[in-house]
Amino acid sequence: MSCVTRATRAAVPCLALALLLLPARLVGQAADPLAPFAWMAGCWELRTPTRVLREEWMPPLGGLMLGMSRTVVGGTAREFEFLRIELRATVPTYVAQPGGAPPTPFALVSVSDTAVVFGNPAHDFPQRVIYRPRGPDSLVARIEGSAGGATRGMDFPMTRVGCAP
C-alpha cells in the first residue's frame, strides 16, 4: 500500500499515518486506572411505590469517576449524596459525602468480575461499600458493617435507566 494520495500527490509518511489510525492507548496513553469500574457508569434507579432512589455515575476519565444520588419520597427530595472514585496514593478510593457532609473515604479492598469492595474500618457505619453487577442492566449497591456490636447491611438493587430528563 502506498502512502501517497493520488488526488494531491502529497506524500504522507507511512509511520505518521499509522500512528493517527492507532487507538490512543497503543501509542502512549495508558488506560485509565479506574477502567475496572467503568461498568458502573450510567444512570441507575431503585423504584418502589413510595420511593425513588437514583444514582448516576460519569465514566472514568483522568483517574476520576464522579457520581451522585438522590432519594425522593412522596415527590420530595429527602436525601442526596455526592460520590466519587479517585486515586489516593495510587489506591482507588470511594469517597462519599451524604447530604453534602465532609468526605468519607473507603479504600479499595477487592475488585473482581462479580464485585468491587471498598472499606473503611474506622468509620462508624458503614465500614464497607460494595457494588455487584447483575448483568448489563442491573446492579446491587450494598452498605454493611458493625453498629452497636451487631453486623448489619442494606442492599439497593438498581436497574439501568436513561440519563435524559
Protein backbone atom coordinates (compact mmCIF):
# COMPACT_ATOMS: atom_id res chain seq x y z
CA MET A 1 0.00 0.00 0.00
CA SER A 2 1.29 3.39 -0.89
CA CYS A 3 1.02 6.35 1.45
CA VAL A 4 0.81 8.81 -1.48
CA THR A 5 -2.61 10.25 -2.18
CA ARG A 6 -3.33 10.35 -5.88
CA ALA A 7 -5.54 13.44 -5.68
CA THR A 8 -2.85 15.68 -4.28
CA ARG A 9 0.28 13.62 -4.92
CA ALA A 10 1.34 14.69 -1.43
CA ALA A 11 3.47 12.12 0.35
CA VAL A 12 2.39 11.32 3.86
CA PRO A 13 4.94 9.41 5.90
CA CYS A 14 3.53 5.94 6.45
CA LEU A 15 4.53 5.89 10.12
CA ALA A 16 2.67 9.15 10.84
CA LEU A 17 -0.44 7.84 9.10
CA ALA A 18 -0.27 4.58 11.02
CA LEU A 19 0.06 6.45 14.33
CA LEU A 20 -3.02 8.52 13.53
CA LEU A 21 -5.04 5.40 12.92
CA LEU A 22 -3.97 3.54 16.07
CA PRO A 23 -6.05 3.78 19.25
CA ALA A 24 -4.56 6.30 21.70
CA ARG A 25 -3.83 3.63 24.29
CA LEU A 26 -1.44 1.90 21.92
CA VAL A 27 0.69 4.99 21.32
CA GLY A 28 1.49 6.08 24.83
CA GLN A 29 -1.77 6.99 26.55
CA ALA A 30 -2.29 4.46 29.31
CA ALA A 31 -5.72 3.09 30.07
CA ASP A 32 -7.47 4.96 32.86
CA PRO A 33 -6.57 3.38 36.23
CA LEU A 34 -10.27 3.33 37.12
CA ALA A 35 -11.23 1.38 33.98
CA PRO A 36 -12.17 -1.70 36.10
CA PHE A 37 -15.10 0.34 37.46
CA ALA A 38 -16.36 1.58 34.07
CA TRP A 39 -19.31 -0.84 34.20
CA MET A 40 -20.77 1.37 36.97
CA ALA A 41 -21.05 4.37 34.63
CA GLY A 42 -24.56 5.43 33.77
CA CYS A 43 -27.87 6.07 35.48
CA TRP A 44 -29.36 3.58 37.93
CA GLU A 45 -32.69 3.56 39.73
CA LEU A 46 -34.43 1.76 42.58
CA ARG A 47 -38.17 2.46 42.43
CA THR A 48 -40.84 1.41 44.93
CA PRO A 49 -44.43 2.66 45.20
CA THR A 50 -43.32 5.34 47.70
CA ARG A 51 -39.64 5.97 46.99
CA VAL A 52 -37.27 6.61 44.08
CA LEU A 53 -33.53 6.32 44.57
CA ARG A 54 -31.48 7.39 41.57
CA GLU A 55 -27.70 7.12 41.30
CA GLU A 56 -25.69 8.47 38.38
CA TRP A 57 -22.01 7.85 37.57
CA MET A 58 -19.83 9.52 34.96
CA PRO A 59 -17.38 7.14 33.21
CA PRO A 60 -13.76 7.10 34.37
CA LEU A 61 -11.62 9.82 32.87
CA GLY A 62 -8.36 11.21 34.16
CA GLY A 63 -8.33 8.90 37.17
CA LEU A 64 -11.70 10.14 38.46
CA MET A 65 -15.32 8.97 38.40
CA LEU A 66 -17.97 11.37 39.64
CA GLY A 67 -21.34 10.26 40.95
CA MET A 68 -24.37 11.47 42.79
CA SER A 69 -27.55 10.07 44.24
CA ARG A 70 -30.91 11.42 45.26
CA THR A 71 -33.79 9.81 47.13
CA VAL A 72 -37.30 11.16 46.57
CA VAL A 73 -40.20 10.19 48.82
CA GLY A 74 -43.74 11.32 48.03
CA GLY A 75 -42.48 13.77 45.43
CA THR A 76 -40.00 15.46 47.81
CA ALA A 77 -36.22 15.01 47.78
CA ARG A 78 -35.28 13.57 51.21
CA GLU A 79 -31.62 12.61 50.77
CA PHE A 80 -28.74 13.31 48.41
CA GLU A 81 -25.12 12.27 48.21
CA PHE A 82 -22.06 13.37 46.26
CA LEU A 83 -19.83 10.43 45.29
CA ARG A 84 -16.53 9.90 43.58
CA ILE A 85 -13.95 7.23 42.94
CA GLU A 86 -10.47 8.70 42.82
CA LEU A 87 -6.88 7.64 43.29
CA ARG A 88 -5.35 8.30 46.69
CA ALA A 89 -1.69 7.28 46.76
CA THR A 90 -2.43 5.04 43.73
CA VAL A 91 -5.28 3.26 45.56
CA PRO A 92 -8.77 3.57 44.06
CA THR A 93 -10.88 5.16 46.78
CA TYR A 94 -14.65 5.58 47.00
CA VAL A 95 -15.47 8.93 48.61
CA ALA A 96 -18.99 9.60 49.92
CA GLN A 97 -20.49 12.90 51.02
CA PRO A 98 -24.05 12.23 52.18
CA GLY A 99 -26.09 15.41 52.46
CA GLY A 100 -23.00 17.39 51.47
CA ALA A 101 -21.19 16.35 54.69
CA PRO A 102 -17.39 16.20 54.80
CA PRO A 103 -15.97 13.43 52.59
CA THR A 104 -15.55 9.91 53.97
CA PRO A 105 -13.03 7.73 52.08
CA PHE A 106 -13.33 3.97 51.56
CA ALA A 107 -10.18 2.41 50.07
CA LEU A 108 -10.39 -0.44 47.58
CA VAL A 109 -10.40 -3.81 49.33
CA SER A 110 -11.01 -6.05 46.31
CA VAL A 111 -12.19 -5.98 42.73
CA SER A 112 -13.33 -8.90 40.58
CA ASP A 113 -15.81 -9.67 37.82
CA THR A 114 -18.51 -10.18 40.46
CA ALA A 115 -17.95 -7.34 42.96
CA VAL A 116 -15.98 -4.27 43.91
CA VAL A 117 -15.50 -3.74 47.65
CA PHE A 118 -14.33 -0.54 49.33
CA GLY A 119 -13.68 -0.36 53.07
CA ASN A 120 -13.02 1.99 55.95
CA PRO A 121 -12.82 0.03 59.24
CA ALA A 122 -12.51 3.27 61.25
CA HIS A 123 -15.87 4.64 60.04
CA ASP A 124 -18.92 4.28 62.31
CA PHE A 125 -21.33 2.86 59.70
CA PRO A 126 -20.96 1.60 57.08
CA GLN A 127 -17.46 0.16 57.03
CA ARG A 128 -17.88 -1.38 53.57
CA VAL A 129 -19.43 -0.19 50.30
CA ILE A 130 -19.97 -2.91 47.70
CA TYR A 131 -21.18 -2.82 44.10
CA ARG A 132 -22.13 -6.02 42.28
CA PRO A 133 -23.14 -6.18 38.62
CA ARG A 134 -26.20 -8.29 37.84
CA GLY A 135 -25.99 -8.34 34.08
CA PRO A 136 -25.61 -5.33 31.79
CA ASP A 137 -28.72 -3.53 33.05
CA SER A 138 -28.78 -4.01 36.80
CA LEU A 139 -26.54 -3.84 39.83
CA VAL A 140 -26.75 -4.12 43.60
CA ALA A 141 -25.14 -1.48 45.77
CA ARG A 142 -24.66 -2.59 49.38
CA ILE A 143 -23.52 -0.89 52.55
CA GLU A 144 -22.54 -3.02 55.52
CA GLY A 145 -20.65 -3.03 58.76
CA SER A 146 -20.97 -3.24 62.51
CA ALA A 147 -23.09 -0.92 64.59
CA GLY A 148 -23.60 -1.38 68.30
CA GLY A 149 -21.85 -4.75 68.19
CA ALA A 150 -24.19 -6.17 65.55
CA THR A 151 -23.39 -6.71 61.89
CA ARG A 152 -25.93 -5.20 59.54
CA GLY A 153 -26.27 -4.25 55.91
CA MET A 154 -28.61 -2.80 53.32
CA ASP A 155 -28.96 -3.76 49.65
CA PHE A 156 -30.02 -1.35 46.93
CA PRO A 157 -30.91 -3.31 43.78
CA MET A 158 -30.97 -0.88 40.86
CA THR A 159 -31.86 -1.04 37.20
CA ARG A 160 -30.17 0.93 34.45
CA VAL A 161 -32.32 3.81 33.23
CA GLY A 162 -31.85 6.53 30.66
CA CYS A 163 -29.89 9.55 31.81
CA ALA A 164 -32.05 12.05 29.91
CA PRO A 165 -34.63 14.01 31.93
